[in-house]
Amino acid sequence: MNIAFCIGNGESRAGFEISQLKSYGDIYGSNALYRDVDADYLVCCDRRMAIETVQNKYCGIVYTRSDWYCFFPYDNFRELPELPWNETEKWTQSFHMGSGLHSVNIALQNNNDIIVLIGHDFWGKGKLHNNIYKGTENYADEVHHAIDPSFWIKQFERFFEIYSNVQFVFCQPNINDWNIPKNWNEYQNVQFQELTQLADTLQMLG
């Protein structure tokens, strides 16, 4: 059984020690996650963030868009893989998928059986955006408006349907209060886990 931990940058993961997951599976993340922990696979769709990793001499594997992959002639850089669907409507197109969803795509293509999702919050903080790195270099400031999560939700649903044999486990603190996207309880391969209990659950599986 292969477990992948896909770490989003939502504020719900503040205070959670990601490095404790390393003994259970690979860590997939995006953008400034590298500031806090060495991911096994890091996605930087934003060219500024890709440049930042180079400037800070980050040596882990970094995936970036094909549009500017040629500008990063470094051994640790990779080109993002294709999506497992035809890119027709806007929300299905690679360029309109964020780094977090691309990291999920890589984890799925690496044949993981369980995808544990932490910090994929979707919703803003009231009218303001939800990002643990907001107000820092290469990120929007703290008063930036909330981002519409509809594309992210549709993209996840497409993954649920294509990878029906994979278990997707969304972890949130106070999971019972989390605004679960409409109809997600109907997916047999989607589960919800209290983030504060994740470590105990992993120990039982191990």
C-alpha atoms as a PDB file:
ATOM      1  CA  MET A   1       0.000   0.000   0.000  1.00  0.00           C
ATOM      2  CA  ASN A   2       1.537   3.277  -1.130  1.00  0.00           C
ATOM      3  CA  ILE A   3       0.497   6.500   0.586  1.00  0.00           C
ATOM      4  CA  ALA A   4       1.096   9.969  -0.856  1.00  0.00           C
ATOM      5  CA  PHE A   5       0.694  13.115   1.211  1.00  0.00           C
ATOM      6  CA  CYS A   6      -0.428  16.020  -0.977  1.00  0.00           C
ATOM      7  CA  ILE A   7       0.095  19.205   0.980  1.00  0.00           C
ATOM      8  CA  GLY A   8      -1.865  22.294   0.032  1.00  0.00           C
ATOM      9  CA  ASN A   9      -1.012  25.717   1.385  1.00  0.00           C
ATOM     10  CA  GLY A  10      -4.316  26.483   3.061  1.00  0.00           C
ATOM     11  CA  GLU A  11      -4.180  27.947   6.544  1.00  0.00           C
ATOM     12  CA  SER A  12      -5.840  24.885   8.081  1.00  0.00           C
ATOM     13  CA  ARG A  13      -2.452  23.152   8.252  1.00  0.00           C
ATOM     14  CA  ALA A  14      -0.849  25.897  10.363  1.00  0.00           C
ATOM     15  CA  GLY A  15       0.984  24.273  13.265  1.00  0.00           C
ATOM     16  CA  PHE A  16       0.835  20.776  11.792  1.00  0.00           C
ATOM     17  CA  GLU A  17       4.291  19.159  11.592  1.00  0.00           C
ATOM     18  CA  ILE A  18       4.515  17.866   8.021  1.00  0.00           C
ATOM     19  CA  SER A  19       7.916  16.245   8.479  1.00  0.00           C
ATOM     20  CA  GLN A  20       6.327  13.607  10.744  1.00  0.00           C
ATOM     21  CA  LEU A  21       4.674  12.120   7.643  1.00  0.00           C
ATOM     22  CA  LYS A  22       7.921  11.236   5.903  1.00  0.00           C
ATOM     23  CA  SER A  23       8.163   7.774   7.435  1.00  0.00           C
ATOM     24  CA  TYR A  24       4.756   6.825   5.997  1.00  0.00           C
ATOM     25  CA  GLY A  25       5.023   7.995   2.386  1.00  0.00           C
ATOM     26  CA  ASP A  26       6.218  10.609  -0.062  1.00  0.00           C
ATOM     27  CA  ILE A  27       5.341  14.268   0.348  1.00  0.00           C
ATOM     28  CA  TYR A  28       3.965  16.165  -2.647  1.00  0.00           C
ATOM     29  CA  GLY A  29       3.583  19.915  -2.337  1.00  0.00           C
ATOM     30  CA  SER A  30       3.701  23.225  -4.064  1.00  0.00           C
ATOM     31  CA  ASN A  31       5.478  26.545  -4.184  1.00  0.00           C
ATOM     32  CA  ALA A  32       6.708  27.843  -0.807  1.00  0.00           C
ATOM     33  CA  LEU A  33       6.199  24.525   0.994  1.00  0.00           C
ATOM     34  CA  TYR A  34       9.928  23.970   0.433  1.00  0.00           C
ATOM     35  CA  ARG A  35      10.603  26.796   2.927  1.00  0.00           C
ATOM     36  CA  ASP A  36       9.305  24.578   5.723  1.00  0.00           C
ATOM     37  CA  VAL A  37      10.021  21.007   4.640  1.00  0.00           C
ATOM     38  CA  ASP A  38      11.877  19.165   1.886  1.00  0.00           C
ATOM     39  CA  ALA A  39       9.150  17.664  -0.289  1.00  0.00           C
ATOM     40  CA  ASP A  40       9.814  14.573  -2.368  1.00  0.00           C
ATOM     41  CA  TYR A  41       8.018  16.293  -5.249  1.00  0.00           C
ATOM     42  CA  LEU A  42       7.500  20.066  -5.420  1.00  0.00           C
ATOM     43  CA  VAL A  43       5.370  21.810  -8.051  1.00  0.00           C
ATOM     44  CA  CYS A  44       5.992  25.450  -8.959  1.00  0.00           C
ATOM     45  CA  CYS A  45       3.558  26.496 -11.674  1.00  0.00           C
ATOM     46  CA  ASP A  46       4.378  30.112 -10.860  1.00  0.00           C
ATOM     47  CA  ARG A  47       7.652  31.001 -12.566  1.00  0.00           C
ATOM     48  CA  ARG A  48       8.562  33.388  -9.740  1.00  0.00           C
ATOM     49  CA  MET A  49       8.387  30.528  -7.267  1.00  0.00           C
ATOM     50  CA  ALA A  50      10.501  28.303  -9.512  1.00  0.00           C
ATOM     51  CA  ILE A  51      13.108  31.082  -9.632  1.00  0.00           C
ATOM     52  CA  GLU A  52      12.953  31.390  -5.846  1.00  0.00           C
ATOM     53  CA  THR A  53      13.857  27.724  -5.404  1.00  0.00           C
ATOM     54  CA  VAL A  54      16.912  28.241  -7.605  1.00  0.00           C
ATOM     55  CA  GLN A  55      17.969  31.385  -5.758  1.00  0.00           C
ATOM     56  CA  ASN A  56      17.721  29.524  -2.436  1.00  0.00           C
ATOM     57  CA  LYS A  57      19.633  26.524  -3.795  1.00  0.00           C
ATOM     58  CA  TYR A  58      16.779  24.082  -3.230  1.00  0.00           C
ATOM     59  CA  CYS A  59      17.941  20.687  -4.516  1.00  0.00           C
ATOM     60  CA  GLY A  60      14.731  18.667  -4.370  1.00  0.00           C
ATOM     61  CA  ILE A  61      12.738  17.690  -7.455  1.00  0.00           C
ATOM     62  CA  VAL A  62      10.829  20.674  -8.874  1.00  0.00           C
ATOM     63  CA  TYR A  63       8.120  20.399 -11.532  1.00  0.00           C
ATOM     64  CA  THR A  64       7.191  23.452 -13.585  1.00  0.00           C
ATOM     65  CA  ARG A  65       5.067  24.300 -16.614  1.00  0.00           C
ATOM     66  CA  SER A  66       6.249  23.427 -20.116  1.00  0.00           C
ATOM     67  CA  ASP A  67       5.925  27.121 -21.009  1.00  0.00           C
ATOM     68  CA  TRP A  68       9.098  27.948 -19.103  1.00  0.00           C
ATOM     69  CA  TYR A  69      10.683  24.602 -18.369  1.00  0.00           C
ATOM     70  CA  CYS A  70      13.451  25.398 -20.875  1.00  0.00           C
ATOM     71  CA  PHE A  71      14.511  28.360 -18.703  1.00  0.00           C
ATOM     72  CA  PHE A  72      15.485  26.028 -15.854  1.00  0.00           C
ATOM     73  CA  PRO A  73      18.373  23.862 -17.126  1.00  0.00           C
ATOM     74  CA  TYR A  74      18.955  22.215 -13.772  1.00  0.00           C
ATOM     75  CA  ASP A  75      19.170  18.533 -12.930  1.00  0.00           C
ATOM     76  CA  ASN A  76      16.406  18.718 -10.331  1.00  0.00           C
ATOM     77  CA  PHE A  77      13.817  20.325 -12.635  1.00  0.00           C
ATOM     78  CA  ARG A  78      11.103  18.355 -14.433  1.00  0.00           C
ATOM     79  CA  GLU A  79       8.339  19.264 -16.876  1.00  0.00           C
ATOM     80  CA  LEU A  80       4.795  18.786 -15.583  1.00  0.00           C
ATOM     81  CA  PRO A  81       3.203  15.575 -16.903  1.00  0.00           C
ATOM     82  CA  GLU A  82       0.053  15.666 -19.019  1.00  0.00           C
ATOM     83  CA  LEU A  83      -3.359  15.477 -17.430  1.00  0.00           C
ATOM     84  CA  PRO A  84      -5.362  12.232 -17.747  1.00  0.00           C
ATOM     85  CA  TRP A  85      -8.169  13.892 -19.712  1.00  0.00           C
ATOM     86  CA  ASN A  86      -8.756  15.955 -22.829  1.00  0.00           C
ATOM     87  CA  GLU A  87      -8.218  19.651 -22.192  1.00  0.00           C
ATOM     88  CA  THR A  88     -11.378  21.093 -23.711  1.00  0.00           C
ATOM     89  CA  GLU A  89     -13.251  23.420 -21.357  1.00  0.00           C
ATOM     90  CA  LYS A  90     -11.263  26.082 -19.529  1.00  0.00           C
ATOM     91  CA  TRP A  91     -11.368  24.305 -16.175  1.00  0.00           C
ATOM     92  CA  THR A  92      -9.909  21.131 -17.732  1.00  0.00           C
ATOM     93  CA  GLN A  93      -6.845  22.892 -19.154  1.00  0.00           C
ATOM     94  CA  SER A  94      -3.426  22.434 -17.578  1.00  0.00           C
ATOM     95  CA  PHE A  95      -2.690  26.157 -17.521  1.00  0.00           C
ATOM     96  CA  HIS A  96      -5.814  26.724 -15.427  1.00  0.00           C
ATOM     97  CA  MET A  97      -4.827  24.142 -12.832  1.00  0.00           C
ATOM     98  CA  GLY A  98      -2.847  25.308  -9.825  1.00  0.00           C
ATOM     99  CA  SER A  99       0.295  23.806  -8.359  1.00  0.00           C
ATOM    100  CA  GLY A 100      -1.638  21.927  -5.674  1.00  0.00           C
ATOM    101  CA  LEU A 101      -3.783  20.019  -8.164  1.00  0.00           C
ATOM    102  CA  HIS A 102      -0.758  19.304 -10.363  1.00  0.00           C
ATOM    103  CA  SER A 103       0.962  17.746  -7.353  1.00  0.00           C
ATOM    104  CA  VAL A 104      -2.070  15.472  -6.929  1.00  0.00           C
ATOM    105  CA  ASN A 105      -1.803  14.491 -10.605  1.00  0.00           C
ATOM    106  CA  ILE A 106       1.848  13.521 -10.127  1.00  0.00           C
ATOM    107  CA  ALA A 107       1.011  11.480  -7.021  1.00  0.00           C
ATOM    108  CA  LEU A 108      -1.680   9.620  -8.958  1.00  0.00           C
ATOM    109  CA  GLN A 109       0.603   8.944 -11.903  1.00  0.00           C
ATOM    110  CA  ASN A 110       3.142   7.542  -9.436  1.00  0.00           C
ATOM    111  CA  ASN A 111       0.629   4.764  -8.643  1.00  0.00           C
ATOM    112  CA  ASN A 112      -0.190   5.631  -5.053  1.00  0.00           C
ATOM    113  CA  ASP A 113      -3.115   3.765  -3.494  1.00  0.00           C
ATOM    114  CA  ILE A 114      -4.072   6.417  -0.938  1.00  0.00           C
ATOM    115  CA  ILE A 115      -3.882  10.177  -1.429  1.00  0.00           C
ATOM    116  CA  VAL A 116      -3.956  12.074   1.870  1.00  0.00           C
ATOM    117  CA  LEU A 117      -4.807  15.746   1.357  1.00  0.00           C
ATOM    118  CA  ILE A 118      -3.817  18.338   3.943  1.00  0.00           C
ATOM    119  CA  GLY A 119      -4.247  22.088   3.569  1.00  0.00           C
ATOM    120  CA  HIS A 120      -6.544  21.853   0.542  1.00  0.00           C
ATOM    121  CA  ASP A 121      -9.066  24.237   2.078  1.00  0.00           C
ATOM    122  CA  PHE A 122     -10.865  25.554  -1.050  1.00  0.00           C
ATOM    123  CA  TRP A 123     -12.707  28.338   0.751  1.00  0.00           C
ATOM    124  CA  GLY A 124     -11.474  31.837   1.551  1.00  0.00           C
ATOM    125  CA  LYS A 125     -11.242  33.349   5.012  1.00  0.00           C
ATOM    126  CA  GLY A 126     -14.402  35.376   4.771  1.00  0.00           C
ATOM    127  CA  LYS A 127     -13.843  37.679   1.794  1.00  0.00           C
ATOM    128  CA  LEU A 128     -10.058  37.275   1.943  1.00  0.00           C
ATOM    129  CA  HIS A 129      -7.881  34.593   0.400  1.00  0.00           C
ATOM    130  CA  ASN A 130      -6.715  31.580   2.340  1.00  0.00           C
ATOM    131  CA  ASN A 131      -2.994  30.861   2.077  1.00  0.00           C
ATOM    132  CA  ILE A 132      -0.485  30.148   4.797  1.00  0.00           C
ATOM    133  CA  TYR A 133       2.195  32.126   2.915  1.00  0.00           C
ATOM    134  CA  LYS A 134       0.140  35.226   2.092  1.00  0.00           C
ATOM    135  CA  GLY A 135       1.991  38.473   2.548  1.00  0.00           C
ATOM    136  CA  THR A 136       5.385  36.843   1.936  1.00  0.00           C
ATOM    137  CA  GLU A 137       7.682  37.078  -1.082  1.00  0.00           C
ATOM    138  CA  ASN A 138       6.013  36.058  -4.384  1.00  0.00           C
ATOM    139  CA  TYR A 139       2.575  35.776  -2.759  1.00  0.00           C
ATOM    140  CA  ALA A 140      -0.424  38.096  -2.762  1.00  0.00           C
ATOM    141  CA  ASP A 141      -0.751  40.382   0.250  1.00  0.00           C
ATOM    142  CA  GLU A 142      -2.950  39.584   3.212  1.00  0.00           C
ATOM    143  CA  VAL A 143      -5.930  41.643   2.023  1.00  0.00           C
ATOM    144  CA  HIS A 144      -6.192  39.990  -1.396  1.00  0.00           C
ATOM    145  CA  HIS A 145      -9.698  38.788  -2.207  1.00  0.00           C
ATOM    146  CA  ALA A 146     -10.729  35.137  -1.846  1.00  0.00           C
ATOM    147  CA  ILE A 147     -10.192  32.865  -4.854  1.00  0.00           C
ATOM    148  CA  ASP A 148     -13.132  31.103  -6.500  1.00  0.00           C
ATOM    149  CA  PRO A 149     -12.547  27.379  -5.799  1.00  0.00           C
ATOM    150  CA  SER A 150     -14.941  26.046  -8.460  1.00  0.00           C
ATOM    151  CA  PHE A 151     -12.177  24.933 -10.855  1.00  0.00           C
ATOM    152  CA  TRP A 152     -10.319  23.112  -8.067  1.00  0.00           C
ATOM    153  CA  ILE A 153     -13.484  21.304  -7.010  1.00  0.00           C
ATOM    154  CA  LYS A 154     -14.287  20.177 -10.576  1.00  0.00           C
ATOM    155  CA  GLN A 155     -10.698  19.039 -11.133  1.00  0.00           C
ATOM    156  CA  PHE A 156     -10.748  16.944  -7.977  1.00  0.00           C
ATOM    157  CA  GLU A 157     -14.046  15.385  -9.054  1.00  0.00           C
ATOM    158  CA  ARG A 158     -12.505  14.379 -12.363  1.00  0.00           C
ATOM    159  CA  PHE A 159      -9.663  12.695 -10.467  1.00  0.00           C
ATOM    160  CA  PHE A 160     -12.169  10.880  -8.217  1.00  0.00           C
ATOM    161  CA  GLU A 161     -13.921   9.510 -11.295  1.00  0.00           C
ATOM    162  CA  ILE A 162     -10.838   8.507 -13.299  1.00  0.00           C
ATOM    163  CA  TYR A 163      -9.000   6.987 -10.325  1.00  0.00           C
ATOM    164  CA  SER A 164     -11.959   5.213  -8.762  1.00  0.00           C
ATOM    165  CA  ASN A 165      -9.693   2.590  -7.141  1.00  0.00           C
ATOM    166  CA  VAL A 166      -7.677   5.224  -5.283  1.00  0.00           C
ATOM    167  CA  GLN A 167      -8.766   6.443  -1.850  1.00  0.00           C
ATOM    168  CA  PHE A 168      -8.739  10.219  -1.370  1.00  0.00           C
ATOM    169  CA  VAL A 169      -8.626  11.290   2.284  1.00  0.00           C
ATOM    170  CA  PHE A 170      -9.194  14.978   3.066  1.00  0.00           C
ATOM    171  CA  CYS A 171      -7.850  16.053   6.452  1.00  0.00           C
ATOM    172  CA  GLN A 172      -8.993  19.167   8.267  1.00  0.00           C
ATOM    173  CA  PRO A 173      -8.964  20.334  11.875  1.00  0.00           C
ATOM    174  CA  ASN A 174     -12.544  20.231  13.145  1.00  0.00           C
ATOM    175  CA  ILE A 175     -13.524  18.141  10.128  1.00  0.00           C
ATOM    176  CA  ASN A 176     -17.193  18.161  11.092  1.00  0.00           C
ATOM    177  CA  ASP A 177     -17.272  21.923  10.632  1.00  0.00           C
ATOM    178  CA  TRP A 178     -15.536  21.907   7.249  1.00  0.00           C
ATOM    179  CA  ASN A 179     -17.696  22.944   4.308  1.00  0.00           C
ATOM    180  CA  ILE A 180     -17.459  19.740   2.261  1.00  0.00           C
ATOM    181  CA  PRO A 181     -18.126  20.448  -1.442  1.00  0.00           C
ATOM    182  CA  LYS A 182     -21.602  19.527  -2.591  1.00  0.00           C
ATOM    183  CA  ASN A 183     -22.182  15.830  -3.406  1.00  0.00           C
ATOM    184  CA  TRP A 184     -18.707  14.712  -2.307  1.00  0.00           C
ATOM    185  CA  ASN A 185     -20.205  12.392   0.298  1.00  0.00           C
ATOM    186  CA  GLU A 186     -21.592  10.389  -2.629  1.00  0.00           C
ATOM    187  CA  TYR A 187     -18.116   9.375  -3.872  1.00  0.00           C
ATOM    188  CA  GLN A 188     -17.232   5.941  -2.498  1.00  0.00           C
ATOM    189  CA  ASN A 189     -13.485   6.645  -2.746  1.00  0.00           C
ATOM    190  CA  VAL A 190     -13.528   9.964  -0.852  1.00  0.00           C
ATOM    191  CA  GLN A 191     -13.114  10.041   2.923  1.00  0.00           C
ATOM    192  CA  PHE A 192     -12.725  12.739   5.564  1.00  0.00           C
ATOM    193  CA  GLN A 193     -10.340  12.612   8.520  1.00  0.00           C
ATOM    194  CA  GLU A 194      -9.752  14.780  11.578  1.00  0.00           C
ATOM    195  CA  LEU A 195      -6.280  16.274  11.055  1.00  0.00           C
ATOM    196  CA  THR A 196      -5.369  16.092  14.742  1.00  0.00           C
ATOM    197  CA  GLN A 197      -5.982  12.334  14.671  1.00  0.00           C
ATOM    198  CA  LEU A 198      -4.045  11.618  11.466  1.00  0.00           C
ATOM    199  CA  ALA A 199      -0.810  10.593  13.203  1.00  0.00           C
ATOM    200  CA  ASP A 200      -2.650   8.020  15.339  1.00  0.00           C
ATOM    201  CA  THR A 201      -4.439   6.649  12.263  1.00  0.00           C
ATOM    202  CA  LEU A 202      -1.141   6.260  10.385  1.00  0.00           C
ATOM    203  CA  GLN A 203       0.433   4.415  13.311  1.00  0.00           C
ATOM    204  CA  MET A 204      -2.462   1.954  13.289  1.00  0.00           C
ATOM    205  CA  LEU A 205      -2.036   1.382   9.543  1.00  0.00           C
ATOM    206  CA  GLY A 206       1.701   0.933   9.948  1.00  0.00           C
END
